[in-house]
Every structure is written in C-alpha cells, then in structure tokens.
C-alpha cells in the first residue's frame, strides 16, 4: 500500500502487505483497514505503521469486505466491481480455451 499527498502526488508512506492483485481499503477515523488474500490489516493513516493484523484463519483467501458504520456503501461497490472484473476475466478465459480446443 502507498499513501500519496492528494495535492502533489508525493509519496507519504508505503507499507508492504501480503501480496495480492487487489487490496480492499477503507480509511476511517485515522486508521486504514486493508484486506488482501483473505487477511485484514489495520494501519495508522498518518504513518502507515501496522497497528494489528488478523489472518482470519479458516475463512479462505478470497475477497474480504470491510464493513464499518461509515463505509458500508462505498466498500461494497468496490468489492462488487472487483468481483465482476474477475468473473468477466474467467468467462473470457473459458471462452478462449473453448475456441482453441475446436
């Protein structure tokens, strides 16, 4: 994850999370909540310092939605858009494999 200065684009901080092609993020009350690979991280919004991390053991490695009182609507829209992107990519891959098999 990288935090940028809104006005200039200057990098404020960077924190490495477990690798993933998609990271779901919610910023609320001075904290950044980020999920990837079925795990959740809580970071300090000003420094990027990890405050805590939960592996959500036994719950899989798919997309995890972060639901807070202030963020439910915006987060859900982001996750649903990513799910649609992945579904479309899988459909396209299956169609491509089917056409090359014939």
Protein backbone atom coordinates (compact mmCIF):
# COMPACT_ATOMS: atom_id res chain seq x y z
CA UNK A 1 0.00 0.00 0.00
CA UNK A 2 1.13 3.50 -0.77
CA UNK A 3 -0.26 6.75 0.63
CA UNK A 4 0.09 9.80 -1.56
CA UNK A 5 -0.27 13.50 -0.84
CA UNK A 6 -3.56 14.44 -2.52
CA UNK A 7 -2.38 17.86 -3.78
CA UNK A 8 1.04 16.86 -5.13
CA UNK A 9 1.07 13.08 -5.58
CA UNK A 10 4.14 12.89 -3.34
CA UNK A 11 4.51 9.56 -1.53
CA UNK A 12 3.86 9.92 2.18
CA UNK A 13 4.44 6.31 3.20
CA UNK A 14 4.49 2.77 1.85
CA UNK A 15 3.69 -0.46 3.67
CA UNK A 16 4.06 -3.94 2.21
CA UNK A 17 1.06 -6.19 2.75
CA UNK A 18 0.73 -9.83 1.82
CA UNK A 19 0.85 -9.94 -2.00
CA UNK A 20 -2.37 -9.61 -3.95
CA UNK A 21 -3.61 -8.18 -7.19
CA UNK A 22 -6.45 -6.43 -5.36
CA UNK A 23 -6.47 -4.72 -1.97
CA UNK A 24 -9.75 -3.56 -0.46
CA UNK A 25 -9.21 -0.36 1.57
CA UNK A 26 -11.28 1.75 3.96
CA UNK A 27 -9.93 4.83 5.74
CA UNK A 28 -11.83 5.78 8.85
CA UNK A 29 -11.04 7.77 11.97
CA UNK A 30 -7.29 7.88 11.41
CA UNK A 31 -6.94 4.22 10.55
CA UNK A 32 -6.57 2.36 7.25
CA UNK A 33 -8.23 -1.05 7.09
CA UNK A 34 -6.95 -3.17 4.21
CA UNK A 35 -7.79 -6.71 3.16
CA UNK A 36 -5.94 -8.93 0.72
CA UNK A 37 -5.56 -12.67 0.29
CA UNK A 38 -8.23 -13.25 2.94
CA UNK A 39 -6.37 -11.31 5.65
CA UNK A 40 -7.04 -7.92 7.24
CA UNK A 41 -4.57 -5.24 8.31
CA UNK A 42 -5.10 -2.08 10.35
CA UNK A 43 -2.59 0.71 9.69
CA UNK A 44 -2.09 4.18 11.11
CA UNK A 45 -3.31 6.56 8.38
CA UNK A 46 -0.56 9.13 9.03
CA UNK A 47 2.47 6.83 9.18
CA UNK A 48 1.42 3.54 7.55
CA UNK A 49 2.59 1.72 10.67
CA UNK A 50 0.82 -1.61 11.20
CA UNK A 51 -1.38 -1.42 14.29
CA UNK A 52 -2.64 -5.00 14.00
CA UNK A 53 -3.08 -7.87 11.55
CA UNK A 54 -5.55 -10.76 11.53
CA UNK A 55 -5.06 -13.77 9.26
CA UNK A 56 -8.78 -14.64 9.52
CA UNK A 57 -7.64 -18.25 9.81
CA UNK A 58 -10.01 -20.82 8.39
CA UNK A 59 -12.02 -18.31 6.34
CA UNK A 60 -10.31 -18.76 2.95
CA UNK A 61 -8.24 -16.41 0.82
CA UNK A 62 -10.87 -14.69 -1.32
CA UNK A 63 -12.02 -11.09 -1.27
CA UNK A 64 -12.98 -9.84 2.17
CA UNK A 65 -15.33 -6.91 2.62
CA UNK A 66 -14.63 -4.33 5.31
CA UNK A 67 -17.85 -3.13 6.86
CA UNK A 68 -17.83 -0.12 9.15
CA UNK A 69 -20.64 2.21 10.05
CA UNK A 70 -19.30 4.92 7.72
CA UNK A 71 -18.10 2.80 4.82
CA UNK A 72 -20.56 0.03 4.01
CA UNK A 73 -21.92 1.52 0.79
CA UNK A 74 -18.64 2.62 -0.81
CA UNK A 75 -16.78 -0.56 0.13
CA UNK A 76 -19.49 -2.85 -1.16
CA UNK A 77 -19.48 -1.07 -4.52
CA UNK A 78 -15.69 -1.52 -4.81
CA UNK A 79 -15.78 -5.21 -3.94
CA UNK A 80 -18.69 -5.89 -6.29
CA UNK A 81 -16.84 -4.15 -9.13
CA UNK A 82 -13.77 -6.33 -8.50
CA UNK A 83 -15.91 -9.47 -8.40
CA UNK A 84 -17.47 -8.51 -11.72
CA UNK A 85 -14.00 -7.91 -13.21
CA UNK A 86 -12.81 -11.34 -12.05
CA UNK A 87 -15.98 -13.05 -13.29
CA UNK A 88 -15.61 -11.40 -16.72
CA UNK A 89 -11.94 -12.43 -16.90
CA UNK A 90 -12.84 -16.02 -16.02
CA UNK A 91 -15.59 -16.08 -18.66
CA UNK A 92 -13.23 -14.67 -21.29
CA UNK A 93 -10.55 -17.23 -20.38
CA UNK A 94 -13.06 -20.08 -20.61
CA UNK A 95 -14.32 -18.84 -24.00
CA UNK A 96 -10.75 -18.55 -25.28
CA UNK A 97 -9.90 -22.07 -24.08
CA UNK A 98 -13.07 -23.42 -25.70
CA UNK A 99 -12.34 -21.79 -29.07
CA UNK A 100 -8.75 -23.06 -29.19
CA UNK A 101 -9.90 -26.60 -28.37
CA UNK A 102 -12.03 -26.70 -31.53
